[in-house]
Amino acid sequence: MKPWRIVAALILATVMVLMALAGHEIRRGFSARAEPSRVEAFVAKTARKMAVPSNYRSLQNPYGASSENIRAGMNHFADHCAICHGNDGSGDTPTGRGLYPKPPDMRTAETQSKSDGELYYTIENGVRLSGMPAFGGEKAHGGDADSWKLVLFIRHLPNLTGSDIKEMEQLNPKTEEERQEEKEEQDFLRGGSSEVPASKSHHH
């Protein structure tokens, strides 16, 4: 068979698969609660890989894996990333479960096998058609150094300890209600109130 006919056959087959997938999705709806099909997962992984420019894949982390740099990455992860990815990197959070596709478990080979440059690029530029935003250039993010230190912490996730997670819980962003409860508890402990805050009284 001539090469152009092979290419044409492959394109036709791809179009047919995509049409069948589209028909299936229309029948079952587009809920973010559903698990991605095998075809969707394959397309998403391929798209993510293709989205990283080749010159980034070979980049090495300019920051060494010192305990200080890993801790800086951990603190930043707890404050900016854990809401979707979880403190342990599992992605099993209320926000993460509501995303489509779901955040990956970053402790597994799917993430850990990526190069430093790929992880850095993803943090800086995000992933289109997913819940992963681009953090590069955000003042709150802190810039290039924070992204590289996040890469160090992502590498550390498979070795995370229980004490690490407890420490991170103190750094997770708090809602206004949680901040108010903490203030009431502090006031009570300082003798500013004669009663335990109502929201916590059931624990005593």
N, C-alpha and C. Protein backbone atom coordinates (compact mmCIF):
# COMPACT_ATOMS: atom_id res chain seq x y z
N MET A 1 0.85 -1.19 0.00
CA MET A 1 0.00 0.00 0.00
C MET A 1 0.89 1.25 0.00
N LYS A 2 0.51 2.22 -0.79
CA LYS A 2 1.30 3.44 -0.89
C LYS A 2 1.24 4.23 0.43
N PRO A 3 2.35 4.93 0.76
CA PRO A 3 2.40 5.66 2.05
C PRO A 3 1.25 6.62 2.26
N TRP A 4 0.84 7.34 1.19
CA TRP A 4 -0.22 8.32 1.38
C TRP A 4 -1.54 7.64 1.72
N ARG A 5 -1.71 6.39 1.21
CA ARG A 5 -2.94 5.65 1.53
C ARG A 5 -2.93 5.18 2.99
N ILE A 6 -1.75 4.82 3.48
CA ILE A 6 -1.63 4.42 4.89
C ILE A 6 -1.98 5.59 5.80
N VAL A 7 -1.42 6.78 5.48
CA VAL A 7 -1.69 7.98 6.26
C VAL A 7 -3.18 8.32 6.23
N ALA A 8 -3.77 8.24 5.04
CA ALA A 8 -5.20 8.54 4.89
C ALA A 8 -6.05 7.57 5.71
N ALA A 9 -5.65 6.28 5.72
CA ALA A 9 -6.38 5.27 6.49
C ALA A 9 -6.29 5.54 7.98
N LEU A 10 -5.11 5.95 8.42
CA LEU A 10 -4.93 6.26 9.85
C LEU A 10 -5.75 7.48 10.26
N ILE A 11 -5.76 8.49 9.41
CA ILE A 11 -6.56 9.70 9.70
C ILE A 11 -8.04 9.35 9.76
N LEU A 12 -8.50 8.53 8.80
CA LEU A 12 -9.90 8.12 8.78
C LEU A 12 -10.27 7.34 10.03
N ALA A 13 -9.38 6.42 10.43
CA ALA A 13 -9.64 5.62 11.63
C ALA A 13 -9.71 6.50 12.87
N THR A 14 -8.81 7.49 12.95
CA THR A 14 -8.80 8.40 14.10
C THR A 14 -10.08 9.21 14.16
N VAL A 15 -10.51 9.72 13.01
CA VAL A 15 -11.76 10.49 12.95
C VAL A 15 -12.94 9.65 13.38
N MET A 16 -12.97 8.40 12.94
CA MET A 16 -14.08 7.51 13.30
C MET A 16 -14.11 7.24 14.80
N VAL A 17 -12.92 7.03 15.39
CA VAL A 17 -12.85 6.81 16.83
C VAL A 17 -13.34 8.04 17.58
N LEU A 18 -12.90 9.23 17.15
CA LEU A 18 -13.32 10.46 17.80
C LEU A 18 -14.82 10.70 17.66
N MET A 19 -15.37 10.38 16.51
CA MET A 19 -16.81 10.52 16.31
C MET A 19 -17.58 9.57 17.21
N ALA A 20 -17.08 8.34 17.33
CA ALA A 20 -17.75 7.37 18.21
C ALA A 20 -17.68 7.82 19.65
N LEU A 21 -16.52 8.36 20.04
CA LEU A 21 -16.35 8.87 21.39
C LEU A 21 -17.28 10.04 21.66
N ALA A 22 -17.38 10.94 20.71
CA ALA A 22 -18.27 12.09 20.85
C ALA A 22 -19.72 11.65 21.01
N GLY A 23 -20.12 10.65 20.22
CA GLY A 23 -21.49 10.14 20.33
C GLY A 23 -21.75 9.54 21.69
N HIS A 24 -20.77 8.78 22.20
CA HIS A 24 -20.91 8.17 23.52
C HIS A 24 -21.01 9.24 24.60
N GLU A 25 -20.17 10.28 24.50
CA GLU A 25 -20.18 11.34 25.50
C GLU A 25 -21.50 12.11 25.49
N ILE A 26 -22.06 12.34 24.29
CA ILE A 26 -23.33 13.05 24.20
C ILE A 26 -24.44 12.24 24.87
N ARG A 27 -24.39 10.90 24.69
CA ARG A 27 -25.42 10.05 25.29
C ARG A 27 -25.33 10.04 26.81
N ARG A 28 -24.11 10.05 27.35
CA ARG A 28 -23.98 9.98 28.80
C ARG A 28 -23.83 11.34 29.45
N GLY A 29 -23.74 12.40 28.64
CA GLY A 29 -23.60 13.74 29.17
C GLY A 29 -22.15 14.11 29.39
N PHE A 30 -21.92 15.29 29.93
CA PHE A 30 -20.56 15.80 30.11
C PHE A 30 -20.27 16.11 31.57
N SER A 31 -20.77 15.28 32.46
CA SER A 31 -20.56 15.50 33.88
C SER A 31 -19.09 15.36 34.26
N ALA A 32 -18.63 16.25 35.12
CA ALA A 32 -17.25 16.17 35.62
C ALA A 32 -17.11 15.06 36.66
N ARG A 33 -18.24 14.45 37.07
CA ARG A 33 -18.19 13.37 38.04
C ARG A 33 -17.75 12.05 37.42
N ALA A 34 -17.91 11.94 36.11
CA ALA A 34 -17.60 10.68 35.43
C ALA A 34 -16.09 10.47 35.34
N GLU A 35 -15.70 9.20 35.30
CA GLU A 35 -14.29 8.86 35.10
C GLU A 35 -13.97 8.96 33.61
N PRO A 36 -12.80 9.51 33.26
CA PRO A 36 -12.44 9.58 31.84
C PRO A 36 -12.34 8.19 31.22
N SER A 37 -12.80 8.08 29.97
CA SER A 37 -12.67 6.81 29.26
C SER A 37 -11.20 6.57 28.92
N ARG A 38 -10.87 5.36 28.47
CA ARG A 38 -9.49 5.05 28.12
C ARG A 38 -9.00 5.94 26.98
N VAL A 39 -9.87 6.19 26.03
CA VAL A 39 -9.49 7.04 24.90
C VAL A 39 -9.22 8.46 25.38
N GLU A 40 -10.10 8.98 26.26
CA GLU A 40 -9.90 10.33 26.80
C GLU A 40 -8.59 10.43 27.58
N ALA A 41 -8.33 9.41 28.39
CA ALA A 41 -7.11 9.42 29.20
C ALA A 41 -5.87 9.41 28.29
N PHE A 42 -5.95 8.60 27.22
CA PHE A 42 -4.81 8.52 26.29
C PHE A 42 -4.60 9.86 25.59
N VAL A 43 -5.70 10.46 25.13
CA VAL A 43 -5.60 11.74 24.43
C VAL A 43 -5.07 12.82 25.37
N ALA A 44 -5.55 12.83 26.64
CA ALA A 44 -5.13 13.83 27.60
C ALA A 44 -3.64 13.70 27.92
N LYS A 45 -3.18 12.46 28.12
CA LYS A 45 -1.76 12.24 28.43
C LYS A 45 -0.87 12.64 27.25
N THR A 46 -1.34 12.29 26.04
CA THR A 46 -0.57 12.64 24.85
C THR A 46 -0.50 14.15 24.68
N ALA A 47 -1.64 14.80 24.91
CA ALA A 47 -1.68 16.27 24.76
C ALA A 47 -0.77 16.94 25.78
N ARG A 48 -0.76 16.42 27.03
CA ARG A 48 0.10 17.01 28.06
C ARG A 48 1.57 16.86 27.69
N LYS A 49 1.90 15.70 27.15
CA LYS A 49 3.30 15.47 26.77
C LYS A 49 3.70 16.38 25.61
N MET A 50 2.81 16.51 24.64
CA MET A 50 3.12 17.34 23.47
C MET A 50 3.15 18.82 23.83
N ALA A 51 2.47 19.19 24.91
CA ALA A 51 2.37 20.61 25.28
C ALA A 51 3.68 21.14 25.84
N VAL A 52 4.56 20.24 26.31
CA VAL A 52 5.84 20.68 26.88
C VAL A 52 6.88 20.81 25.77
N PRO A 53 7.38 22.02 25.52
CA PRO A 53 8.40 22.20 24.47
C PRO A 53 9.63 21.33 24.73
N SER A 54 10.21 20.82 23.68
CA SER A 54 11.33 19.89 23.82
C SER A 54 12.50 20.49 24.59
N ASN A 55 12.71 21.80 24.46
CA ASN A 55 13.86 22.40 25.16
C ASN A 55 13.66 22.45 26.67
N TYR A 56 12.42 22.29 27.15
CA TYR A 56 12.18 22.26 28.59
C TYR A 56 12.42 20.86 29.16
N ARG A 57 12.20 19.83 28.36
CA ARG A 57 12.29 18.47 28.88
C ARG A 57 13.67 18.13 29.41
N SER A 58 14.67 18.75 28.87
CA SER A 58 16.05 18.44 29.28
C SER A 58 16.57 19.35 30.38
N LEU A 59 15.75 20.30 30.85
CA LEU A 59 16.20 21.21 31.91
C LEU A 59 16.42 20.47 33.22
N GLN A 60 17.49 20.84 33.92
CA GLN A 60 17.79 20.29 35.24
C GLN A 60 17.46 21.33 36.30
N ASN A 61 17.02 20.85 37.45
CA ASN A 61 16.69 21.76 38.54
C ASN A 61 17.94 22.48 39.03
N PRO A 62 17.96 23.80 38.99
CA PRO A 62 19.15 24.54 39.45
C PRO A 62 19.30 24.57 40.97
N TYR A 63 18.27 24.09 41.69
CA TYR A 63 18.32 24.08 43.15
C TYR A 63 18.56 22.66 43.65
N GLY A 64 19.49 22.53 44.56
CA GLY A 64 19.80 21.23 45.13
C GLY A 64 18.72 20.75 46.09
N ALA A 65 18.65 19.42 46.28
CA ALA A 65 17.62 18.84 47.13
C ALA A 65 18.02 18.91 48.60
N SER A 66 18.30 20.11 49.08
CA SER A 66 18.63 20.30 50.49
C SER A 66 17.34 20.29 51.31
N SER A 67 17.47 20.00 52.61
CA SER A 67 16.28 19.98 53.46
C SER A 67 15.61 21.35 53.48
N GLU A 68 16.41 22.40 53.39
CA GLU A 68 15.86 23.76 53.39
C GLU A 68 15.03 24.02 52.14
N ASN A 69 15.53 23.62 50.96
CA ASN A 69 14.80 23.84 49.72
C ASN A 69 13.54 22.97 49.63
N ILE A 70 13.65 21.73 50.11
CA ILE A 70 12.47 20.85 50.11
C ILE A 70 11.40 21.40 51.04
N ARG A 71 11.81 21.90 52.20
CA ARG A 71 10.85 22.49 53.15
C ARG A 71 10.18 23.73 52.56
N ALA A 72 10.95 24.54 51.85
CA ALA A 72 10.37 25.72 51.19
C ALA A 72 9.32 25.28 50.17
N GLY A 73 9.63 24.22 49.42
CA GLY A 73 8.66 23.69 48.46
C GLY A 73 7.44 23.13 49.15
N MET A 74 7.65 22.45 50.29
CA MET A 74 6.54 21.88 51.05
C MET A 74 5.61 22.98 51.56
N ASN A 75 6.18 24.04 52.12
CA ASN A 75 5.37 25.14 52.63
C ASN A 75 4.55 25.79 51.52
N HIS A 76 5.18 25.97 50.37
CA HIS A 76 4.50 26.59 49.24
C HIS A 76 3.40 25.67 48.70
N PHE A 77 3.68 24.37 48.65
CA PHE A 77 2.70 23.39 48.18
C PHE A 77 1.47 23.39 49.09
N ALA A 78 1.71 23.41 50.41
CA ALA A 78 0.60 23.41 51.37
C ALA A 78 -0.29 24.63 51.20
N ASP A 79 0.30 25.77 50.88
CA ASP A 79 -0.45 27.02 50.78
C ASP A 79 -1.13 27.20 49.42
N HIS A 80 -0.52 26.68 48.34
CA HIS A 80 -1.02 26.96 47.00
C HIS A 80 -1.60 25.74 46.26
N CYS A 81 -1.09 24.56 46.55
CA CYS A 81 -1.40 23.39 45.71
C CYS A 81 -2.28 22.34 46.39
N ALA A 82 -2.22 22.27 47.72
CA ALA A 82 -2.87 21.17 48.43
C ALA A 82 -4.38 21.19 48.31
N ILE A 83 -4.97 22.34 48.02
CA ILE A 83 -6.43 22.39 47.91
C ILE A 83 -6.95 21.46 46.83
N CYS A 84 -6.17 21.27 45.76
CA CYS A 84 -6.55 20.34 44.70
C CYS A 84 -5.81 19.01 44.81
N HIS A 85 -4.51 19.08 45.12
CA HIS A 85 -3.66 17.88 45.08
C HIS A 85 -3.58 17.15 46.41
N GLY A 86 -4.04 17.78 47.51
CA GLY A 86 -3.90 17.17 48.82
C GLY A 86 -2.49 17.35 49.35
N ASN A 87 -2.34 17.40 50.66
CA ASN A 87 -1.02 17.55 51.24
C ASN A 87 -0.09 16.39 50.86
N ASP A 88 -0.67 15.21 50.66
CA ASP A 88 0.13 14.03 50.32
C ASP A 88 0.33 13.84 48.82
N GLY A 89 -0.26 14.74 48.00
CA GLY A 89 -0.11 14.64 46.56
C GLY A 89 -1.02 13.64 45.89
N SER A 90 -1.97 13.05 46.64
CA SER A 90 -2.85 12.02 46.09
C SER A 90 -3.91 12.57 45.15
N GLY A 91 -4.26 13.86 45.31
CA GLY A 91 -5.35 14.44 44.52
C GLY A 91 -6.72 14.13 45.09
N ASP A 92 -6.75 13.41 46.22
CA ASP A 92 -8.02 13.00 46.82
C ASP A 92 -8.50 14.07 47.78
N THR A 93 -9.06 15.15 47.23
CA THR A 93 -9.61 16.25 48.01
C THR A 93 -10.99 16.59 47.45
N PRO A 94 -11.84 17.28 48.22
CA PRO A 94 -13.14 17.67 47.67
C PRO A 94 -13.02 18.46 46.36
N THR A 95 -12.07 19.39 46.30
CA THR A 95 -11.87 20.15 45.06
C THR A 95 -11.33 19.27 43.96
N GLY A 96 -10.35 18.44 44.29
CA GLY A 96 -9.75 17.56 43.28
C GLY A 96 -10.75 16.58 42.70
N ARG A 97 -11.63 16.02 43.55
CA ARG A 97 -12.62 15.06 43.07
C ARG A 97 -13.64 15.72 42.16
N GLY A 98 -13.79 17.04 42.26
CA GLY A 98 -14.76 17.75 41.42
C GLY A 98 -14.19 18.19 40.09
N LEU A 99 -12.89 17.98 39.87
CA LEU A 99 -12.26 18.38 38.61
C LEU A 99 -12.35 17.26 37.57
N TYR A 100 -12.25 17.67 36.31
CA TYR A 100 -12.25 16.69 35.22
C TYR A 100 -11.27 17.15 34.16
N PRO A 101 -10.21 16.40 33.91
CA PRO A 101 -9.87 15.14 34.58
C PRO A 101 -9.39 15.38 36.00
N LYS A 102 -9.44 14.32 36.81
CA LYS A 102 -9.02 14.42 38.20
C LYS A 102 -7.51 14.68 38.27
N PRO A 103 -7.05 15.37 39.32
CA PRO A 103 -5.60 15.55 39.49
C PRO A 103 -4.93 14.19 39.63
N PRO A 104 -3.75 14.02 39.06
CA PRO A 104 -3.07 12.73 39.18
C PRO A 104 -2.52 12.52 40.58
N ASP A 105 -2.31 11.27 40.94
CA ASP A 105 -1.60 10.96 42.17
C ASP A 105 -0.12 11.19 41.88
N MET A 106 0.42 12.26 42.41
CA MET A 106 1.77 12.66 42.04
C MET A 106 2.86 11.81 42.67
N ARG A 107 2.46 10.84 43.51
CA ARG A 107 3.44 9.94 44.10
C ARG A 107 3.78 8.78 43.17
N THR A 108 2.96 8.60 42.14
CA THR A 108 3.13 7.45 41.25
C THR A 108 4.09 7.76 40.11
N ALA A 109 4.43 6.70 39.36
CA ALA A 109 5.40 6.83 38.27
C ALA A 109 4.94 7.80 37.19
N GLU A 110 3.63 7.95 37.01
CA GLU A 110 3.12 8.84 35.97
C GLU A 110 3.69 10.25 36.12
N THR A 111 3.80 10.72 37.36
CA THR A 111 4.38 12.04 37.63
C THR A 111 5.87 11.96 37.91
N GLN A 112 6.26 10.98 38.73
CA GLN A 112 7.66 10.91 39.16
C GLN A 112 8.62 10.62 38.00
N SER A 113 8.12 10.01 36.92
CA SER A 113 8.99 9.70 35.79
C SER A 113 9.21 10.91 34.86
N LYS A 114 8.46 11.98 35.10
CA LYS A 114 8.65 13.18 34.28
C LYS A 114 9.98 13.85 34.65
N SER A 115 10.55 14.54 33.70
CA SER A 115 11.80 15.25 33.96
C SER A 115 11.53 16.49 34.81
N ASP A 116 12.60 17.02 35.41
CA ASP A 116 12.45 18.26 36.18
C ASP A 116 11.88 19.37 35.32
N GLY A 117 12.34 19.44 34.09
CA GLY A 117 11.88 20.48 33.18
C GLY A 117 10.40 20.37 32.86
N GLU A 118 9.90 19.14 32.71
CA GLU A 118 8.48 18.94 32.42
C GLU A 118 7.62 19.39 33.60
N LEU A 119 8.04 19.03 34.81
CA LEU A 119 7.29 19.44 36.00
C LEU A 119 7.32 20.95 36.16
N TYR A 120 8.49 21.54 35.95
CA TYR A 120 8.63 22.99 36.06
C TYR A 120 7.73 23.69 35.05
N TYR A 121 7.74 23.23 33.81
CA TYR A 121 6.94 23.86 32.76
C TYR A 121 5.44 23.78 33.11
N THR A 122 5.02 22.64 33.64
CA THR A 122 3.61 22.47 33.99
C THR A 122 3.20 23.43 35.10
N ILE A 123 4.05 23.60 36.10
CA ILE A 123 3.75 24.54 37.19
C ILE A 123 3.67 25.96 36.65
N GLU A 124 4.63 26.33 35.83
CA GLU A 124 4.70 27.69 35.32
C GLU A 124 3.59 28.02 34.33
N ASN A 125 3.21 27.05 33.49
CA ASN A 125 2.30 27.34 32.37
C ASN A 125 0.95 26.66 32.44
N GLY A 126 0.75 25.76 33.41
CA GLY A 126 -0.53 25.09 33.53
C GLY A 126 -0.78 24.09 32.42
N VAL A 127 -2.00 23.52 32.43
CA VAL A 127 -2.41 22.55 31.41
C VAL A 127 -3.77 22.96 30.89
N ARG A 128 -3.86 23.21 29.61
CA ARG A 128 -5.15 23.60 29.03
C ARG A 128 -6.17 22.48 29.18
N LEU A 129 -7.44 22.90 29.24
CA LEU A 129 -8.58 21.98 29.34
C LEU A 129 -8.48 21.08 30.56
N SER A 130 -7.89 21.61 31.63
CA SER A 130 -7.85 20.90 32.90
C SER A 130 -7.97 21.95 34.00
N GLY A 131 -7.93 21.51 35.24
CA GLY A 131 -8.02 22.45 36.35
C GLY A 131 -6.67 23.02 36.76
N MET A 132 -5.60 22.66 36.03
CA MET A 132 -4.26 23.11 36.42
C MET A 132 -3.98 24.49 35.87
N PRO A 133 -3.91 25.51 36.74
CA PRO A 133 -3.66 26.88 36.27
C PRO A 133 -2.17 27.13 36.03
N ALA A 134 -1.87 28.23 35.38
CA ALA A 134 -0.48 28.66 35.18
C ALA A 134 -0.09 29.56 36.34
N PHE A 135 0.97 29.20 37.06
CA PHE A 135 1.40 29.99 38.21
C PHE A 135 2.53 30.95 37.87
N GLY A 136 3.15 30.78 36.72
CA GLY A 136 4.26 31.65 36.35
C GLY A 136 3.83 33.10 36.26
N GLY A 137 4.58 34.00 36.87
CA GLY A 137 4.27 35.42 36.80
C GLY A 137 3.34 35.92 37.88
N GLU A 138 2.73 34.99 38.67
CA GLU A 138 1.84 35.44 39.74
C GLU A 138 2.67 35.95 40.92
N LYS A 139 2.33 37.12 41.41
CA LYS A 139 3.07 37.71 42.53
C LYS A 139 2.99 36.82 43.77
N ALA A 140 1.81 36.25 44.01
CA ALA A 140 1.64 35.42 45.20
C ALA A 140 2.46 34.14 45.11
N HIS A 141 2.75 33.73 43.88
CA HIS A 141 3.49 32.48 43.69
C HIS A 141 4.95 32.65 44.05
N GLY A 142 5.54 33.75 43.72
CA GLY A 142 6.92 33.99 44.10
C GLY A 142 7.93 33.82 42.99
N GLY A 143 7.50 33.29 41.86
CA GLY A 143 8.39 33.25 40.71
C GLY A 143 9.16 31.96 40.51
N ASP A 144 10.19 32.07 39.70
CA ASP A 144 10.97 30.95 39.20
C ASP A 144 11.51 30.06 40.32
N ALA A 145 12.06 30.63 41.37
CA ALA A 145 12.65 29.84 42.45
C ALA A 145 11.61 28.97 43.13
N ASP A 146 10.40 29.51 43.37
CA ASP A 146 9.35 28.73 44.01
C ASP A 146 8.93 27.54 43.15
N SER A 147 8.89 27.74 41.83
CA SER A 147 8.50 26.64 40.94
C SER A 147 9.51 25.50 41.01
N TRP A 148 10.80 25.84 41.00
CA TRP A 148 11.84 24.80 41.07
C TRP A 148 11.83 24.10 42.42
N LYS A 149 11.55 24.83 43.49
CA LYS A 149 11.49 24.20 44.82
C LYS A 149 10.24 23.33 44.96
N LEU A 150 9.18 23.69 44.25
CA LEU A 150 8.01 22.81 44.20
C LEU A 150 8.36 21.50 43.52
N VAL A 151 9.17 21.56 42.47
CA VAL A 151 9.62 20.34 41.80
C VAL A 151 10.36 19.45 42.79
N LEU A 152 11.23 20.03 43.61
CA LEU A 152 11.95 19.26 44.62
C LEU A 152 10.97 18.59 45.59
N PHE A 153 9.94 19.33 46.00
CA PHE A 153 8.99 18.75 46.94
C PHE A 153 8.17 17.64 46.28
N ILE A 154 7.79 17.82 45.02
CA ILE A 154 7.06 16.78 44.31
C ILE A 154 7.88 15.49 44.27
N ARG A 155 9.17 15.60 44.08
CA ARG A 155 10.06 14.43 44.11
C ARG A 155 10.06 13.78 45.50
N HIS A 156 9.83 14.59 46.53
CA HIS A 156 9.87 14.13 47.92
C HIS A 156 8.55 13.47 48.34
N LEU A 157 7.47 13.67 47.58
CA LEU A 157 6.15 13.19 47.99
C LEU A 157 6.09 11.70 48.35
N PRO A 158 6.74 10.80 47.59
CA PRO A 158 6.66 9.38 47.97
C PRO A 158 7.26 9.09 49.34
N ASN A 159 8.09 9.99 49.86
CA ASN A 159 8.74 9.77 51.16
C ASN A 159 8.16 10.66 52.27
N LEU A 160 7.01 11.25 52.01
CA LEU A 160 6.40 12.16 52.98
C LEU A 160 6.05 11.41 54.27
N THR A 161 6.28 12.04 55.41
CA THR A 161 5.97 11.42 56.70
C THR A 161 4.69 11.99 57.29
N GLY A 162 4.19 11.32 58.30
CA GLY A 162 3.00 11.80 58.98
C GLY A 162 3.22 13.15 59.63
N SER A 163 4.41 13.37 60.17
CA SER A 163 4.70 14.67 60.80
C SER A 163 4.76 15.78 59.75
N ASP A 164 5.24 15.44 58.54
CA ASP A 164 5.24 16.42 57.45
C ASP A 164 3.81 16.87 57.15
N ILE A 165 2.91 15.90 57.06
CA ILE A 165 1.52 16.21 56.72
C ILE A 165 0.87 17.05 57.82
N LYS A 166 1.14 16.72 59.08
CA LYS A 166 0.58 17.52 60.18
C LYS A 166 1.09 18.96 60.12
N GLU A 167 2.36 19.10 59.78
CA GLU A 167 2.93 20.44 59.66
C GLU A 167 2.27 21.21 58.52
N MET A 168 2.01 20.51 57.43
CA MET A 168 1.39 21.14 56.27
C MET A 168 -0.04 21.57 56.56
N GLU A 169 -0.74 20.81 57.40
CA GLU A 169 -2.12 21.14 57.73
C GLU A 169 -2.21 22.52 58.40
N GLN A 170 -1.16 22.89 59.12
CA GLN A 170 -1.15 24.21 59.76
C GLN A 170 -0.94 25.33 58.75
N LEU A 171 -0.44 24.97 57.57
CA LEU A 171 -0.14 25.96 56.53
C LEU A 171 -1.22 26.04 55.45
N ASN A 172 -2.16 25.09 55.48
CA ASN A 172 -3.24 25.12 54.49
C ASN A 172 -4.09 26.36 54.64
N PRO A 173 -4.54 26.97 53.55
CA PRO A 173 -5.40 28.16 53.64
C PRO A 173 -6.66 27.87 54.45
N LYS A 174 -7.07 28.81 55.25
CA LYS A 174 -8.24 28.65 56.10
C LYS A 174 -9.39 29.50 55.59
N THR A 175 -10.60 28.99 55.79
CA THR A 175 -11.79 29.76 55.44
C THR A 175 -12.01 30.83 56.51
N GLU A 176 -12.86 31.78 56.21
CA GLU A 176 -13.18 32.84 57.18
C GLU A 176 -13.78 32.23 58.44
N GLU A 177 -14.62 31.20 58.28
CA GLU A 177 -15.23 30.54 59.44
C GLU A 177 -14.17 29.88 60.32
N GLU A 178 -13.18 29.22 59.68
CA GLU A 178 -12.12 28.58 60.46
C GLU A 178 -11.27 29.60 61.20
N ARG A 179 -10.98 30.72 60.52
CA ARG A 179 -10.21 31.78 61.18
C ARG A 179 -10.97 32.35 62.38
N GLN A 180 -12.28 32.51 62.24
CA GLN A 180 -13.09 33.03 63.34
C GLN A 180 -13.12 32.05 64.51
N GLU A 181 -13.22 30.75 64.20
CA GLU A 181 -13.22 29.73 65.25
C GLU A 181 -11.89 29.74 66.01
N GLU A 182 -10.79 29.88 65.28
CA GLU A 182 -9.48 29.93 65.92
C GLU A 182 -9.37 31.14 66.84
N LYS A 183 -9.90 32.28 66.38
CA LYS A 183 -9.85 33.50 67.18
C LYS A 183 -10.67 33.33 68.47
N GLU A 184 -11.84 32.70 68.34
CA GLU A 184 -12.68 32.48 69.52
C GLU A 184 -11.99 31.56 70.51
N GLU A 185 -11.33 30.51 70.00
CA GLU A 185 -10.62 29.59 70.88
C GLU A 185 -9.48 30.29 71.61
N GLN A 186 -8.74 31.13 70.87
CA GLN A 186 -7.63 31.87 71.49
C GLN A 186 -8.14 32.83 72.55
N ASP A 187 -9.27 33.50 72.25
CA ASP A 187 -9.86 34.42 73.24
C ASP A 187 -10.27 33.66 74.49
N PHE A 188 -10.84 32.46 74.29
CA PHE A 188 -11.28 31.65 75.43
C PHE A 188 -10.09 31.22 76.29
N LEU A 189 -9.02 30.78 75.62
CA LEU A 189 -7.83 30.32 76.35
C LEU A 189 -7.15 31.46 77.10
N ARG A 190 -7.31 32.68 76.59
CA ARG A 190 -6.72 33.84 77.28
C ARG A 190 -7.64 34.38 78.37
N GLY A 191 -8.80 33.76 78.53
CA GLY A 191 -9.73 34.21 79.57
C GLY A 191 -10.65 35.31 79.11
N GLY A 192 -10.74 35.50 77.81
CA GLY A 192 -11.58 36.57 77.29
C GLY A 192 -13.04 36.21 77.22
N SER A 193 -13.35 34.94 77.45
CA SER A 193 -14.75 34.50 77.42
C SER A 193 -14.94 33.44 78.48
N SER A 194 -16.09 33.39 79.06
CA SER A 194 -16.36 32.41 80.12
C SER A 194 -16.91 31.11 79.56
N GLU A 195 -17.18 31.07 78.25
CA GLU A 195 -17.74 29.88 77.64
C GLU A 195 -16.87 29.40 76.49
N VAL A 196 -16.90 28.09 76.28
CA VAL A 196 -16.23 27.53 75.13
C VAL A 196 -17.02 27.92 73.90
N PRO A 197 -16.36 28.32 72.78
CA PRO A 197 -17.09 28.68 71.57
C PRO A 197 -18.09 27.60 71.19
N ALA A 198 -19.31 28.02 70.84
CA ALA A 198 -20.40 27.08 70.56
C ALA A 198 -20.03 26.08 69.48
N SER A 199 -19.29 26.54 68.46
CA SER A 199 -18.96 25.67 67.35
C SER A 199 -18.07 24.51 67.76
N LYS A 200 -17.38 24.64 68.93
CA LYS A 200 -16.45 23.60 69.36
C LYS A 200 -16.91 22.91 70.64
N SER A 201 -18.00 23.39 71.26
CA SER A 201 -18.38 22.91 72.58
C SER A 201 -18.71 21.43 72.60
N HIS A 202 -19.08 20.84 71.45
CA HIS A 202 -19.47 19.44 71.44
C HIS A 202 -18.26 18.52 71.65
N HIS A 203 -17.04 19.07 71.57
CA HIS A 203 -15.85 18.26 71.78
C HIS A 203 -15.53 18.11 73.28
N HIS A 204 -16.20 18.87 74.15
CA HIS A 204 -15.83 18.90 75.57
C HIS A 204 -16.93 18.27 76.42
